[in-house]
Protein backbone atom coordinates (compact mmCIF):
# COMPACT_ATOMS: atom_id res chain seq x y z
CA MET A 1 7.12 -5.78 -28.22
CA ASN A 2 5.14 -5.47 -24.98
CA GLU A 3 2.88 -2.49 -24.48
CA PHE A 4 3.89 -0.36 -21.49
CA ARG A 5 1.45 -0.62 -18.61
CA LEU A 6 1.34 0.10 -14.92
CA HIS A 7 0.01 -1.93 -12.03
CA ALA A 8 -0.26 -1.09 -8.35
CA TRP A 9 -0.04 -3.27 -5.27
CA VAL A 10 -1.90 -1.96 -2.21
CA ASP A 11 -1.84 -2.54 1.54
CA GLU A 12 -3.35 -0.80 4.55
CA SER A 13 -2.03 0.32 7.90
CA MET A 14 -4.02 1.66 10.84
CA HIS A 15 -2.86 3.71 13.78
CA ALA A 16 -5.29 4.25 16.66
CA PRO A 17 -5.41 7.62 18.39
CA GLN A 18 -2.82 8.02 21.14
CA ALA A 19 -2.12 10.72 23.68
CA GLY A 20 -1.66 13.94 21.75
CA GLN A 21 -2.06 12.30 18.32
CA SER A 22 -5.12 11.62 16.25
CA GLY A 23 -5.48 8.25 14.59
CA MET A 24 -4.76 7.66 10.92
CA TYR A 25 -5.62 5.10 8.28
CA LEU A 26 -3.08 4.61 5.48
CA LEU A 27 -3.72 2.98 2.13
CA ALA A 28 -0.33 2.64 0.43
CA SER A 29 0.47 1.65 -3.13
CA ALA A 30 3.56 0.62 -5.04
CA ILE A 31 3.30 1.38 -8.76
CA ALA A 32 5.38 -0.34 -11.44
CA ASP A 33 5.42 -1.95 -14.86
CA PRO A 34 4.40 -5.53 -13.98
CA ASP A 35 6.84 -6.91 -16.56
CA GLY A 36 9.74 -5.37 -14.64
CA CYS A 37 8.93 -6.57 -11.13
CA GLU A 38 10.90 -9.81 -10.95
CA PRO A 39 14.10 -8.06 -9.77
CA VAL A 40 12.08 -6.35 -7.01
CA ARG A 41 10.64 -9.68 -5.88
CA GLU A 42 14.06 -11.34 -5.93
CA ARG A 43 15.65 -8.55 -3.93
CA LEU A 44 12.95 -8.66 -1.26
CA VAL A 45 12.93 -12.47 -1.01
CA LYS A 46 16.68 -12.34 -0.25
CA LEU A 47 15.83 -10.33 2.89
CA LEU A 48 13.49 -12.99 4.29
CA PRO A 49 14.54 -14.24 7.71
CA LYS A 50 15.00 -18.01 7.87
CA GLY A 51 11.69 -19.84 8.26
CA LYS A 52 9.49 -16.92 7.20
CA THR A 53 7.31 -16.81 4.09
CA ARG A 54 6.88 -13.04 3.91
CA LEU A 55 8.18 -9.72 5.12
CA HIS A 56 5.74 -7.89 7.38
CA TRP A 57 6.74 -4.45 8.61
CA ARG A 58 5.17 -4.67 12.05
CA ASP A 59 6.97 -7.96 12.78
CA GLU A 60 10.45 -6.87 11.71
CA ASP A 61 13.19 -5.32 13.83
CA GLU A 62 14.71 -1.92 13.14
CA LYS A 63 17.71 -3.35 11.26
CA LEU A 64 15.57 -5.40 8.87
CA ARG A 65 13.19 -2.46 8.39
CA ALA A 66 16.17 -0.36 7.30
CA SER A 67 17.24 -3.09 4.85
CA ILE A 68 13.71 -3.38 3.46
CA SER A 69 13.45 0.40 3.08
CA ALA A 70 16.81 0.62 1.31
CA ALA A 71 15.87 -2.25 -1.03
CA VAL A 72 12.55 -0.62 -1.90
CA GLY A 73 14.29 2.73 -2.41
CA ASP A 74 16.74 1.16 -4.87
CA CYS A 75 13.94 -0.23 -7.07
CA ASP A 76 12.25 1.55 -9.96
CA LEU A 77 8.89 2.08 -8.24
CA SER A 78 6.51 4.94 -7.56
CA HIS A 79 4.65 5.20 -4.27
CA LEU A 80 1.35 6.85 -3.46
CA VAL A 81 -0.23 6.81 -0.01
CA VAL A 82 -3.64 8.12 0.94
CA VAL A 83 -3.55 9.24 4.56
CA GLY A 84 -6.92 9.31 6.28
CA ALA A 85 -6.84 11.67 9.25
CA GLU A 86 -8.97 11.42 12.38
CA TYR A 87 -9.20 7.63 12.07
CA ARG A 88 -10.97 5.74 14.86
CA PRO A 89 -10.78 1.93 15.13
CA ASP A 90 -14.59 1.70 15.28
CA SER A 91 -14.77 3.20 11.78
CA GLN A 92 -12.17 1.07 9.96
CA GLU A 93 -14.37 0.14 7.00
CA ARG A 94 -15.56 3.73 6.54
CA ALA A 95 -11.94 4.91 6.57
CA ARG A 96 -10.98 2.19 4.08
CA ARG A 97 -13.81 3.15 1.70
CA ARG A 98 -12.88 6.84 1.81
CA CYS A 99 -9.18 6.14 1.25
CA MET A 100 -9.88 3.49 -1.39
CA ASP A 101 -12.15 5.86 -3.32
CA ARG A 102 -9.40 8.48 -3.46
CA LEU A 103 -6.58 6.01 -4.13
CA LEU A 104 -8.36 4.33 -7.05
CA PHE A 105 -9.16 7.76 -8.53
CA GLU A 106 -5.49 8.80 -8.25
CA LEU A 107 -4.18 5.50 -9.61
CA GLU A 108 -6.45 5.54 -12.65
CA ASN A 109 -5.47 9.15 -13.38
CA PHE A 110 -1.82 8.09 -13.09
CA GLY A 111 -2.38 5.51 -15.83
CA VAL A 112 -2.55 2.37 -13.70
CA SER A 113 -4.57 -0.40 -15.36
CA GLY A 114 -4.52 -3.09 -12.66
CA VAL A 115 -4.56 -3.00 -8.86
CA VAL A 116 -3.86 -5.87 -6.48
CA PHE A 117 -5.02 -5.33 -2.89
CA GLU A 118 -3.71 -7.49 -0.09
CA SER A 119 -6.48 -10.00 0.46
CA ARG A 120 -8.47 -9.78 3.67
CA THR A 121 -11.41 -12.08 4.37
CA GLN A 122 -13.71 -13.26 1.59
CA SER A 123 -16.55 -11.08 2.90
CA LEU A 124 -14.34 -7.97 3.19
CA ASN A 125 -12.91 -8.55 -0.30
CA LYS A 126 -16.50 -8.76 -1.54
CA LYS A 127 -17.27 -5.38 0.09
CA ASP A 128 -14.27 -3.88 -1.69
CA LEU A 129 -15.48 -5.25 -5.04
CA GLU A 130 -18.97 -3.90 -4.37
CA MET A 131 -17.43 -0.48 -3.81
CA VAL A 132 -15.49 -0.75 -7.07
CA ALA A 133 -18.73 -1.66 -8.86
CA ALA A 134 -20.48 1.33 -7.27
CA LEU A 135 -17.68 3.67 -8.41
CA ARG A 136 -18.00 2.26 -11.93
CA GLY A 137 -21.78 2.73 -11.82
CA GLN A 138 -21.28 6.37 -10.83
CA GLY A 139 -18.86 6.85 -13.72
CA ARG A 140 -16.02 7.62 -11.30
CA LEU A 141 -13.95 4.60 -12.30
CA LYS A 142 -13.53 3.48 -15.88
CA SER A 143 -11.30 0.55 -16.76
CA LEU A 144 -9.16 -0.10 -13.69
CA ARG A 145 -9.07 -3.84 -12.86
CA VAL A 146 -9.07 -4.76 -9.17
CA ASP A 147 -7.93 -8.07 -7.75
CA PHE A 148 -6.63 -9.52 -4.47
CA GLY A 149 -3.42 -11.30 -3.60
CA LEU A 150 -1.76 -12.99 -0.66
CA PRO A 151 1.56 -11.62 0.59
CA SER A 152 2.78 -15.18 1.10
CA GLU A 153 2.46 -15.63 -2.69
CA GLU A 154 3.20 -12.12 -4.03
CA PRO A 155 6.28 -10.30 -2.69
CA MET A 156 5.17 -7.10 -4.46
CA LEU A 157 2.59 -6.77 -1.66
CA TRP A 158 5.48 -6.44 0.79
CA VAL A 159 6.36 -3.10 -0.80
CA PRO A 160 3.20 -1.13 0.12
CA ASP A 161 3.32 -2.77 3.56
CA ALA A 162 6.81 -1.31 4.05
CA VAL A 163 5.83 2.05 2.55
CA ALA A 164 2.80 2.31 4.85
CA GLY A 165 4.95 1.35 7.83
CA ALA A 166 7.64 3.90 6.99
CA VAL A 167 5.10 6.68 6.41
CA GLY A 168 3.29 5.79 9.64
CA LEU A 169 6.52 6.04 11.65
CA ASP A 170 7.40 9.36 10.03
CA LEU A 171 3.98 10.98 10.41
CA ARG A 172 3.84 9.95 14.08
CA ASN A 173 7.29 11.53 14.59
CA MET A 174 8.79 8.22 15.67
CA ASP A 175 11.42 7.62 12.98
CA SER A 176 11.90 9.34 9.62
CA ARG A 177 14.85 7.20 8.45
CA PRO A 178 12.89 4.37 6.77
CA ARG A 179 10.87 6.87 4.74
CA GLN A 180 14.06 8.69 3.76
CA LEU A 181 15.62 5.40 2.60
CA ILE A 182 12.60 4.63 0.42
CA GLY A 183 12.77 8.06 -1.18
CA GLN A 184 9.93 9.83 -2.96
CA ILE A 185 6.52 8.90 -1.57
CA ASP A 186 3.55 10.98 -2.70
CA LEU A 187 0.97 11.58 0.03
CA VAL A 188 -2.67 12.57 -0.35
CA HIS A 189 -4.29 13.66 2.91
CA ILE A 190 -8.04 13.30 3.44
CA ASP A 191 -10.42 13.29 6.40
CA VAL A 192 -12.11 10.00 7.14
C-alpha cells in the first residue's frame, strides 16, 4: 500500500501596474497526491489545440480558457496562490523571493513533501535553490523537496498556470468566470 503524500506544482504570473491598478505578482500552486495525477494530465492533454505541446493561459482564447478552468475545477486538486501586491516589473526577483518564501512555508504546513516549479533559466533556477537552502539554514524550511519541470513535459504545470491566469483576471476585475469554474482557490496576500 502506498503512503499518502502531497506534491505541489507551481507557476508564476506577473501583472504590471496599469491606470488605476497596482501591479501584482502571483505564485500559484496546484496540490495533489502525485499517484492520482494521471487522470488530470489526460484530461488536460485532451484540450490541447492541434500542433501545440502545452496549454499556456496567456496564449489561449476565452473559449479554451473556460474549458481549461472547467477541467481543472472537476479534478481533485487544492489550489493556493500567494498574491504579491504593489509589484513593479523592475523588482520581479524580489517579488518572487517574497512570494516563494510564503508559498513554501504554507505548502510545508499543509503537508506537501515535494514541489515542482516551472523551470526558468538555469541561473534563475539556481537562485531559487539558493533561496531554498537559505530558508533551510534559517530553520524555516524542513524537509520540503524542490525541483523544476518543463510544461512541455509535465501537464501538471499547466494547472497553476491556469489558476494564476484565472486569479489574475478576477483580481483585476476583468473576468471572474474562469476562477468560478475552477472553484475553491485559497489566496494569501502579501506586500512585495
